[in-house]
Amino acid sequence: MVSYCTHADVSAFLQVDAFTDGGSATTPTATQVETFIEMAESRIEQLTDHAWSTANAISVTDERVRVQRVQSNVISTRGRIQLRHYPILAFSQHASPSLSQTNGNVKIWGSGSGGYVDYLDSDNSKTLGSNVTDTGNDVWADTERGIVYLNSYSLHNMLNSSPAGVDGYVSYKYATATTPKDIKLACIYFTAAIIVSNDDLNLMAEGDDSMDNRSKGELFEAQAMKILKDNRRIHRSMAMAREIGGFATGMVTP
């Protein structure tokens, strides 16, 4: 199932008749074009290291994390984890022994427990906040920034006692919920490049006054890459990521 654009978007861009299946199937067919779109989506996800639709959400299993302690005069010492990817899908609790990453895992080293404690396992008597302002719980998340917060972290965790310096393992899914317009356009360009560069499809007639299909394909490809680069979709980063979480450990006073 395609997410970033449709075969109708591609035919409109190429200014050709709508792609169809069945008895009056076009070359390529609508199904074939959707396969090309899926290929373009995969390429965009590889280039940007991100998914641009909830339907294409990417799973991360047991990402190693360090917990940064945050201390102030008005709140108890808390733990803060900056995940590598963002935005993330909302966590939900689950019952042991079902530890499916569909719901997520936030496994944190606890010195008193003799091992890692999954804050999302309901058997561990931890409470999960529903949003970033729900701070009265044991764990909550800023899904937009990919930050996980732990309540009263220093009361039950010894920072230096975690094995090999790994304070926790977090499993989650990440994606931007709604496909941005520039990602949609880049997907159209990548898909169009596949189509026009395939001589077997015979879709784009070459005229004496126009560039050949191979040149068109290269142009579309270059334009798709330009869109991703100009909008900083490649090597994207969060300006505050290293200041407010990062992978270092320390005391921060907000």
C-alpha atoms as a PDB file:
ATOM      1  CA  MET A   1       0.000   0.000   0.000  1.00  0.00           C
ATOM      2  CA  VAL A   2       1.466   3.341  -1.047  1.00  0.00           C
ATOM      3  CA  SER A   3       1.578   6.268   1.368  1.00  0.00           C
ATOM      4  CA  TYR A   4       3.588   9.214   0.054  1.00  0.00           C
ATOM      5  CA  CYS A   5       1.841   9.707  -3.293  1.00  0.00           C
ATOM      6  CA  THR A   6      -0.600   7.897  -5.611  1.00  0.00           C
ATOM      7  CA  HIS A   7      -0.419   6.632  -9.180  1.00  0.00           C
ATOM      8  CA  ALA A   8      -2.868   9.431 -10.062  1.00  0.00           C
ATOM      9  CA  ASP A   9      -0.307  11.978  -8.791  1.00  0.00           C
ATOM     10  CA  VAL A  10       2.336  10.425 -11.046  1.00  0.00           C
ATOM     11  CA  SER A  11       0.160  10.330 -14.182  1.00  0.00           C
ATOM     12  CA  ALA A  12      -0.874  13.947 -13.579  1.00  0.00           C
ATOM     13  CA  PHE A  13       2.780  14.949 -13.256  1.00  0.00           C
ATOM     14  CA  LEU A  14       3.766  13.093 -16.447  1.00  0.00           C
ATOM     15  CA  GLN A  15       0.663  14.457 -18.215  1.00  0.00           C
ATOM     16  CA  VAL A  16      -0.427  11.036 -19.437  1.00  0.00           C
ATOM     17  CA  ASP A  17      -3.725   9.171 -19.209  1.00  0.00           C
ATOM     18  CA  ALA A  18      -4.572   7.632 -15.854  1.00  0.00           C
ATOM     19  CA  PHE A  19      -2.885   4.317 -15.125  1.00  0.00           C
ATOM     20  CA  THR A  20      -5.336   1.412 -15.017  1.00  0.00           C
ATOM     21  CA  ASP A  21      -5.481  -2.343 -14.427  1.00  0.00           C
ATOM     22  CA  GLY A  22      -7.775  -4.976 -15.888  1.00  0.00           C
ATOM     23  CA  GLY A  23      -9.031  -5.331 -19.440  1.00  0.00           C
ATOM     24  CA  SER A  24      -8.039  -1.811 -20.476  1.00  0.00           C
ATOM     25  CA  ALA A  25      -4.760  -1.890 -18.577  1.00  0.00           C
ATOM     26  CA  THR A  26      -2.177   0.728 -19.405  1.00  0.00           C
ATOM     27  CA  THR A  27       1.572   0.232 -19.729  1.00  0.00           C
ATOM     28  CA  PRO A  28       2.657   0.406 -17.002  1.00  0.00           C
ATOM     29  CA  THR A  29      -0.428  -0.693 -15.095  1.00  0.00           C
ATOM     30  CA  ALA A  30      -1.678   1.060 -11.974  1.00  0.00           C
ATOM     31  CA  THR A  31      -0.382  -1.860  -9.889  1.00  0.00           C
ATOM     32  CA  GLN A  32       3.058  -1.604 -11.463  1.00  0.00           C
ATOM     33  CA  VAL A  33       3.208   2.130 -10.799  1.00  0.00           C
ATOM     34  CA  GLU A  34       2.296   1.525  -7.165  1.00  0.00           C
ATOM     35  CA  THR A  35       5.228  -0.891  -6.982  1.00  0.00           C
ATOM     36  CA  PHE A  36       7.461   1.874  -8.351  1.00  0.00           C
ATOM     37  CA  ILE A  37       6.044   4.253  -5.729  1.00  0.00           C
ATOM     38  CA  GLU A  38       6.867   1.775  -2.972  1.00  0.00           C
ATOM     39  CA  MET A  39      10.427   1.601  -4.317  1.00  0.00           C
ATOM     40  CA  ALA A  40      10.606   5.406  -4.248  1.00  0.00           C
ATOM     41  CA  GLU A  41       9.268   5.465  -0.689  1.00  0.00           C
ATOM     42  CA  SER A  42      11.913   2.991   0.437  1.00  0.00           C
ATOM     43  CA  ARG A  43      14.616   5.088  -1.159  1.00  0.00           C
ATOM     44  CA  ILE A  44      13.390   8.252   0.556  1.00  0.00           C
ATOM     45  CA  GLU A  45      13.336   6.438   3.895  1.00  0.00           C
ATOM     46  CA  GLN A  46      16.891   5.212   3.364  1.00  0.00           C
ATOM     47  CA  LEU A  47      18.140   8.664   2.354  1.00  0.00           C
ATOM     48  CA  THR A  48      16.402  10.492   5.195  1.00  0.00           C
ATOM     49  CA  ASP A  49      16.612   7.748   7.848  1.00  0.00           C
ATOM     50  CA  HIS A  50      12.974   8.448   8.594  1.00  0.00           C
ATOM     51  CA  ALA A  51       9.413   7.378   7.784  1.00  0.00           C
ATOM     52  CA  TRP A  52       7.059  10.072   6.529  1.00  0.00           C
ATOM     53  CA  SER A  53       3.707   8.420   7.221  1.00  0.00           C
ATOM     54  CA  THR A  54       2.351   6.488  10.183  1.00  0.00           C
ATOM     55  CA  ALA A  55       1.528   3.644   7.786  1.00  0.00           C
ATOM     56  CA  ASN A  56       5.255   3.316   7.037  1.00  0.00           C
ATOM     57  CA  ALA A  57       6.395   3.573  10.676  1.00  0.00           C
ATOM     58  CA  ILE A  58       9.817   2.033  11.281  1.00  0.00           C
ATOM     59  CA  SER A  59      10.518  -0.172  14.311  1.00  0.00           C
ATOM     60  CA  VAL A  60      13.594   0.138  16.501  1.00  0.00           C
ATOM     61  CA  THR A  61      14.374  -2.739  18.847  1.00  0.00           C
ATOM     62  CA  ASP A  62      16.440  -2.272  22.012  1.00  0.00           C
ATOM     63  CA  GLU A  63      18.160   1.000  21.170  1.00  0.00           C
ATOM     64  CA  ARG A  64      20.914   1.482  23.750  1.00  0.00           C
ATOM     65  CA  VAL A  65      20.418   4.668  25.757  1.00  0.00           C
ATOM     66  CA  ARG A  66      22.089   6.686  28.461  1.00  0.00           C
ATOM     67  CA  VAL A  67      19.899   8.492  30.967  1.00  0.00           C
ATOM     68  CA  GLN A  68      20.567  12.141  31.702  1.00  0.00           C
ATOM     69  CA  ARG A  69      19.577  13.245  35.176  1.00  0.00           C
ATOM     70  CA  VAL A  70      17.688  16.529  35.427  1.00  0.00           C
ATOM     71  CA  GLN A  71      17.579  18.256  38.813  1.00  0.00           C
ATOM     72  CA  SER A  72      15.834  21.394  40.035  1.00  0.00           C
ATOM     73  CA  ASN A  73      14.536  22.945  43.238  1.00  0.00           C
ATOM     74  CA  VAL A  74      10.899  22.512  42.273  1.00  0.00           C
ATOM     75  CA  ILE A  75      10.771  18.917  41.025  1.00  0.00           C
ATOM     76  CA  SER A  76      12.392  15.687  42.065  1.00  0.00           C
ATOM     77  CA  THR A  77      15.409  14.489  40.100  1.00  0.00           C
ATOM     78  CA  ARG A  78      14.202  13.058  36.824  1.00  0.00           C
ATOM     79  CA  GLY A  79      15.711  11.015  34.042  1.00  0.00           C
ATOM     80  CA  ARG A  80      15.625  12.153  30.446  1.00  0.00           C
ATOM     81  CA  ILE A  81      16.435  10.066  27.369  1.00  0.00           C
ATOM     82  CA  GLN A  82      16.944  11.497  23.893  1.00  0.00           C
ATOM     83  CA  LEU A  83      16.113   8.807  21.359  1.00  0.00           C
ATOM     84  CA  ARG A  84      17.923   8.700  18.028  1.00  0.00           C
ATOM     85  CA  HIS A  85      14.725   9.069  15.978  1.00  0.00           C
ATOM     86  CA  TYR A  86      11.754  11.429  16.220  1.00  0.00           C
ATOM     87  CA  PRO A  87       8.813  11.908  16.152  1.00  0.00           C
ATOM     88  CA  ILE A  88       7.892   8.593  17.778  1.00  0.00           C
ATOM     89  CA  LEU A  89       4.546   6.845  18.029  1.00  0.00           C
ATOM     90  CA  ALA A  90       2.886   6.947  21.428  1.00  0.00           C
ATOM     91  CA  PHE A  91       3.821   4.218  23.892  1.00  0.00           C
ATOM     92  CA  SER A  92       1.265   1.915  25.493  1.00  0.00           C
ATOM     93  CA  GLN A  93       1.539  -0.502  28.385  1.00  0.00           C
ATOM     94  CA  HIS A  94       1.429  -4.255  27.975  1.00  0.00           C
ATOM     95  CA  ALA A  95       1.215  -7.298  30.193  1.00  0.00           C
ATOM     96  CA  SER A  96       4.216  -9.547  30.756  1.00  0.00           C
ATOM     97  CA  PRO A  97       5.436 -11.760  29.155  1.00  0.00           C
ATOM     98  CA  SER A  98       4.201 -10.018  25.995  1.00  0.00           C
ATOM     99  CA  LEU A  99       7.068  -7.611  25.297  1.00  0.00           C
ATOM    100  CA  SER A 100       6.115  -6.692  21.760  1.00  0.00           C
ATOM    101  CA  GLN A 101       7.717  -3.525  20.422  1.00  0.00           C
ATOM    102  CA  THR A 102       4.342  -2.772  18.842  1.00  0.00           C
ATOM    103  CA  ASN A 103       3.574  -1.131  22.160  1.00  0.00           C
ATOM    104  CA  GLY A 104       7.160  -0.236  22.947  1.00  0.00           C
ATOM    105  CA  ASN A 105       9.597  -1.103  25.732  1.00  0.00           C
ATOM    106  CA  VAL A 106      11.405   1.241  28.101  1.00  0.00           C
ATOM    107  CA  LYS A 107      13.781  -1.054  29.987  1.00  0.00           C
ATOM    108  CA  ILE A 108      15.809   0.865  32.581  1.00  0.00           C
ATOM    109  CA  TRP A 109      18.535  -0.448  34.850  1.00  0.00           C
ATOM    110  CA  GLY A 110      17.375  -0.480  38.470  1.00  0.00           C
ATOM    111  CA  SER A 111      19.991  -1.113  41.138  1.00  0.00           C
ATOM    112  CA  GLY A 112      17.477  -2.531  43.580  1.00  0.00           C
ATOM    113  CA  SER A 113      15.866  -4.909  41.113  1.00  0.00           C
ATOM    114  CA  GLY A 114      18.965  -6.753  40.014  1.00  0.00           C
ATOM    115  CA  GLY A 115      18.281  -6.090  36.357  1.00  0.00           C
ATOM    116  CA  TYR A 116      16.441  -3.976  33.820  1.00  0.00           C
ATOM    117  CA  VAL A 117      12.891  -2.909  34.620  1.00  0.00           C
ATOM    118  CA  ASP A 118      10.457  -2.379  31.739  1.00  0.00           C
ATOM    119  CA  TYR A 119       8.437   0.707  32.627  1.00  0.00           C
ATOM    120  CA  LEU A 120       5.772  -0.302  30.095  1.00  0.00           C
ATOM    121  CA  ASP A 121       5.227  -3.752  31.618  1.00  0.00           C
ATOM    122  CA  SER A 122       2.071  -3.427  33.716  1.00  0.00           C
ATOM    123  CA  ASP A 123       3.367  -6.159  36.045  1.00  0.00           C
ATOM    124  CA  ASN A 124       6.055  -3.737  37.240  1.00  0.00           C
ATOM    125  CA  SER A 125       3.459  -1.357  38.699  1.00  0.00           C
ATOM    126  CA  LYS A 126       4.646   1.641  36.669  1.00  0.00           C
ATOM    127  CA  THR A 127       2.295   4.321  35.402  1.00  0.00           C
ATOM    128  CA  LEU A 128       2.454   5.767  31.889  1.00  0.00           C
ATOM    129  CA  GLY A 129       1.591   9.384  31.105  1.00  0.00           C
ATOM    130  CA  SER A 130      -0.517   9.995  28.023  1.00  0.00           C
ATOM    131  CA  ASN A 131       1.337  13.133  26.868  1.00  0.00           C
ATOM    132  CA  VAL A 132       4.310  15.382  27.600  1.00  0.00           C
ATOM    133  CA  THR A 133       2.455  17.356  30.288  1.00  0.00           C
ATOM    134  CA  ASP A 134       1.330  14.227  32.143  1.00  0.00           C
ATOM    135  CA  THR A 135       4.272  14.462  34.560  1.00  0.00           C
ATOM    136  CA  GLY A 136       2.741  12.788  37.599  1.00  0.00           C
ATOM    137  CA  ASN A 137       3.506   9.305  36.272  1.00  0.00           C
ATOM    138  CA  ASP A 138       6.560   7.058  36.359  1.00  0.00           C
ATOM    139  CA  VAL A 139       7.263   7.491  32.635  1.00  0.00           C
ATOM    140  CA  TRP A 140       5.999   9.765  29.883  1.00  0.00           C
ATOM    141  CA  ALA A 141       7.216  10.915  26.485  1.00  0.00           C
ATOM    142  CA  ASP A 142       7.529  13.959  24.279  1.00  0.00           C
ATOM    143  CA  THR A 143       6.646  12.073  21.109  1.00  0.00           C
ATOM    144  CA  GLU A 144       7.358  15.010  18.804  1.00  0.00           C
ATOM    145  CA  ARG A 145      10.968  15.368  20.018  1.00  0.00           C
ATOM    146  CA  GLY A 146      11.600  11.694  20.762  1.00  0.00           C
ATOM    147  CA  ILE A 147      12.334  12.269  24.463  1.00  0.00           C
ATOM    148  CA  VAL A 148      11.425   9.848  27.252  1.00  0.00           C
ATOM    149  CA  TYR A 149      11.128  11.117  30.844  1.00  0.00           C
ATOM    150  CA  LEU A 150      11.448   9.063  34.035  1.00  0.00           C
ATOM    151  CA  ASN A 151      10.068  10.310  37.338  1.00  0.00           C
ATOM    152  CA  SER A 152      12.229  10.302  40.514  1.00  0.00           C
ATOM    153  CA  TYR A 153      15.069   8.697  38.609  1.00  0.00           C
ATOM    154  CA  SER A 154      17.831   9.149  41.182  1.00  0.00           C
ATOM    155  CA  LEU A 155      15.797   7.561  43.984  1.00  0.00           C
ATOM    156  CA  HIS A 156      15.960   4.038  42.545  1.00  0.00           C
ATOM    157  CA  ASN A 157      18.722   4.064  39.942  1.00  0.00           C
ATOM    158  CA  MET A 158      22.475   4.066  40.398  1.00  0.00           C
ATOM    159  CA  LEU A 159      23.863   5.680  37.265  1.00  0.00           C
ATOM    160  CA  ASN A 160      27.257   4.004  37.389  1.00  0.00           C
ATOM    161  CA  SER A 161      25.975   0.514  38.144  1.00  0.00           C
ATOM    162  CA  SER A 162      24.433  -0.258  34.770  1.00  0.00           C
ATOM    163  CA  PRO A 163      26.184  -3.049  32.827  1.00  0.00           C
ATOM    164  CA  ALA A 164      28.705  -1.785  30.233  1.00  0.00           C
ATOM    165  CA  GLY A 165      27.405   1.726  30.790  1.00  0.00           C
ATOM    166  CA  VAL A 166      24.047   0.915  29.197  1.00  0.00           C
ATOM    167  CA  ASP A 167      21.411   2.569  31.359  1.00  0.00           C
ATOM    168  CA  GLY A 168      18.526   1.256  29.310  1.00  0.00           C
ATOM    169  CA  TYR A 169      17.090  -0.231  26.153  1.00  0.00           C
ATOM    170  CA  VAL A 170      14.146   1.390  24.387  1.00  0.00           C
ATOM    171  CA  SER A 171      12.032  -0.184  21.638  1.00  0.00           C
ATOM    172  CA  TYR A 172       9.720   2.106  19.711  1.00  0.00           C
ATOM    173  CA  LYS A 173       8.306   3.075  16.341  1.00  0.00           C
ATOM    174  CA  TYR A 174       8.971   6.360  14.621  1.00  0.00           C
ATOM    175  CA  ALA A 175       7.319   8.284  11.799  1.00  0.00           C
ATOM    176  CA  THR A 176       5.936  11.665  10.877  1.00  0.00           C
ATOM    177  CA  ALA A 177       2.159  11.216  10.993  1.00  0.00           C
ATOM    178  CA  THR A 178       1.214  13.143   7.831  1.00  0.00           C
ATOM    179  CA  THR A 179       3.367  13.115   4.698  1.00  0.00           C
ATOM    180  CA  PRO A 180       4.802  16.625   4.080  1.00  0.00           C
ATOM    181  CA  LYS A 181       4.268  18.156   0.638  1.00  0.00           C
ATOM    182  CA  ASP A 182       7.970  18.162  -0.228  1.00  0.00           C
ATOM    183  CA  ILE A 183       8.251  14.431   0.543  1.00  0.00           C
ATOM    184  CA  LYS A 184       5.215  13.781  -1.661  1.00  0.00           C
ATOM    185  CA  LEU A 185       6.799  15.742  -4.510  1.00  0.00           C
ATOM    186  CA  ALA A 186      10.140  13.970  -4.116  1.00  0.00           C
ATOM    187  CA  CYS A 187       8.323  10.632  -4.266  1.00  0.00           C
ATOM    188  CA  ILE A 188       6.552  11.691  -7.479  1.00  0.00           C
ATOM    189  CA  TYR A 189       9.873  12.696  -9.053  1.00  0.00           C
ATOM    190  CA  PHE A 190      11.606   9.449  -8.046  1.00  0.00           C
ATOM    191  CA  THR A 191       8.690   7.381  -9.384  1.00  0.00           C
ATOM    192  CA  ALA A 192       8.557   9.352 -12.622  1.00  0.00           C
ATOM    193  CA  ALA A 193      12.303   8.802 -13.065  1.00  0.00           C
ATOM    194  CA  ILE A 194      11.799   5.039 -12.849  1.00  0.00           C
ATOM    195  CA  ILE A 195       9.041   5.129 -15.452  1.00  0.00           C
ATOM    196  CA  VAL A 196      10.597   7.387 -18.079  1.00  0.00           C
ATOM    197  CA  SER A 197      13.996   5.692 -17.899  1.00  0.00           C
ATOM    198  CA  ASN A 198      12.478   2.272 -18.645  1.00  0.00           C
ATOM    199  CA  ASP A 199      12.539   1.901 -22.419  1.00  0.00           C
ATOM    200  CA  ASP A 200      10.423  -1.263 -22.254  1.00  0.00           C
ATOM    201  CA  LEU A 201       7.451   0.721 -20.954  1.00  0.00           C
ATOM    202  CA  ASN A 202       7.323   2.962 -24.054  1.00  0.00           C
ATOM    203  CA  LEU A 203       5.298   5.483 -22.093  1.00  0.00           C
ATOM    204  CA  MET A 204       7.028   8.741 -22.937  1.00  0.00           C
ATOM    205  CA  ALA A 205       7.256   9.433 -26.642  1.00  0.00           C
ATOM    206  CA  GLU A 206      10.455  11.179 -27.615  1.00  0.00           C
ATOM    207  CA  GLY A 207      10.034  14.123 -29.964  1.00  0.00           C
ATOM    208  CA  ASP A 208      12.612  15.917 -32.025  1.00  0.00           C
ATOM    209  CA  ASP A 209      12.206  19.040 -29.927  1.00  0.00           C
ATOM    210  CA  SER A 210      12.413  17.394 -26.489  1.00  0.00           C
ATOM    211  CA  MET A 211      15.082  15.722 -24.411  1.00  0.00           C
ATOM    212  CA  ASP A 212      15.373  11.941 -24.540  1.00  0.00           C
ATOM    213  CA  ASN A 213      13.815   9.786 -21.832  1.00  0.00           C
ATOM    214  CA  ARG A 214      17.144   8.969 -20.253  1.00  0.00           C
ATOM    215  CA  SER A 215      17.861  12.666 -19.752  1.00  0.00           C
ATOM    216  CA  LYS A 216      14.359  13.169 -18.373  1.00  0.00           C
ATOM    217  CA  GLY A 217      14.913  10.385 -15.862  1.00  0.00           C
ATOM    218  CA  GLU A 218      18.211  11.907 -14.741  1.00  0.00           C
ATOM    219  CA  LEU A 219      16.565  15.316 -14.441  1.00  0.00           C
ATOM    220  CA  PHE A 220      13.687  13.935 -12.337  1.00  0.00           C
ATOM    221  CA  GLU A 221      16.161  12.046 -10.146  1.00  0.00           C
ATOM    222  CA  ALA A 222      18.260  15.162  -9.583  1.00  0.00           C
ATOM    223  CA  GLN A 223      15.180  17.224  -8.782  1.00  0.00           C
ATOM    224  CA  ALA A 224      14.006  14.714  -6.174  1.00  0.00           C
ATOM    225  CA  MET A 225      17.419  14.808  -4.480  1.00  0.00           C
ATOM    226  CA  LYS A 226      17.414  18.626  -4.573  1.00  0.00           C
ATOM    227  CA  ILE A 227      14.038  18.719  -2.841  1.00  0.00           C
ATOM    228  CA  LEU A 228      15.288  16.464  -0.045  1.00  0.00           C
ATOM    229  CA  LYS A 229      18.502  18.449   0.399  1.00  0.00           C
ATOM    230  CA  ASP A 230      16.952  21.916   0.165  1.00  0.00           C
ATOM    231  CA  ASN A 231      14.392  21.030   2.832  1.00  0.00           C
ATOM    232  CA  ARG A 232      17.076  19.465   5.055  1.00  0.00           C
ATOM    233  CA  ARG A 233      15.433  16.061   5.000  1.00  0.00           C
ATOM    234  CA  ILE A 234      18.822  14.371   4.637  1.00  0.00           C
ATOM    235  CA  HIS A 235      21.003  14.379   7.773  1.00  0.00           C
ATOM    236  CA  ARG A 236      18.212  16.176   9.599  1.00  0.00           C
ATOM    237  CA  SER A 237      18.773  16.923  13.269  1.00  0.00           C
ATOM    238  CA  MET A 238      17.039  18.537  16.210  1.00  0.00           C
ATOM    239  CA  ALA A 239      18.733  21.753  17.270  1.00  0.00           C
ATOM    240  CA  MET A 240      18.392  21.022  20.973  1.00  0.00           C
ATOM    241  CA  ALA A 241      18.905  17.256  20.859  1.00  0.00           C
ATOM    242  CA  ARG A 242      22.400  17.158  22.338  1.00  0.00           C
ATOM    243  CA  GLU A 243      21.708  19.861  24.931  1.00  0.00           C
ATOM    244  CA  ILE A 244      18.552  18.337  26.324  1.00  0.00           C
ATOM    245  CA  GLY A 245      19.371  14.668  26.113  1.00  0.00           C
ATOM    246  CA  GLY A 246      22.064  13.373  23.886  1.00  0.00           C
ATOM    247  CA  PHE A 247      23.910  10.231  24.805  1.00  0.00           C
ATOM    248  CA  ALA A 248      26.005  11.777  27.541  1.00  0.00           C
ATOM    249  CA  THR A 249      25.313  11.610  31.235  1.00  0.00           C
ATOM    250  CA  GLY A 250      25.313  14.445  33.672  1.00  0.00           C
ATOM    251  CA  MET A 251      23.402  16.797  35.914  1.00  0.00           C
ATOM    252  CA  VAL A 252      21.383  19.520  34.251  1.00  0.00           C
ATOM    253  CA  THR A 253      19.583  22.309  36.072  1.00  0.00           C
ATOM    254  CA  PRO A 254      16.713  23.686  33.973  1.00  0.00           C
END
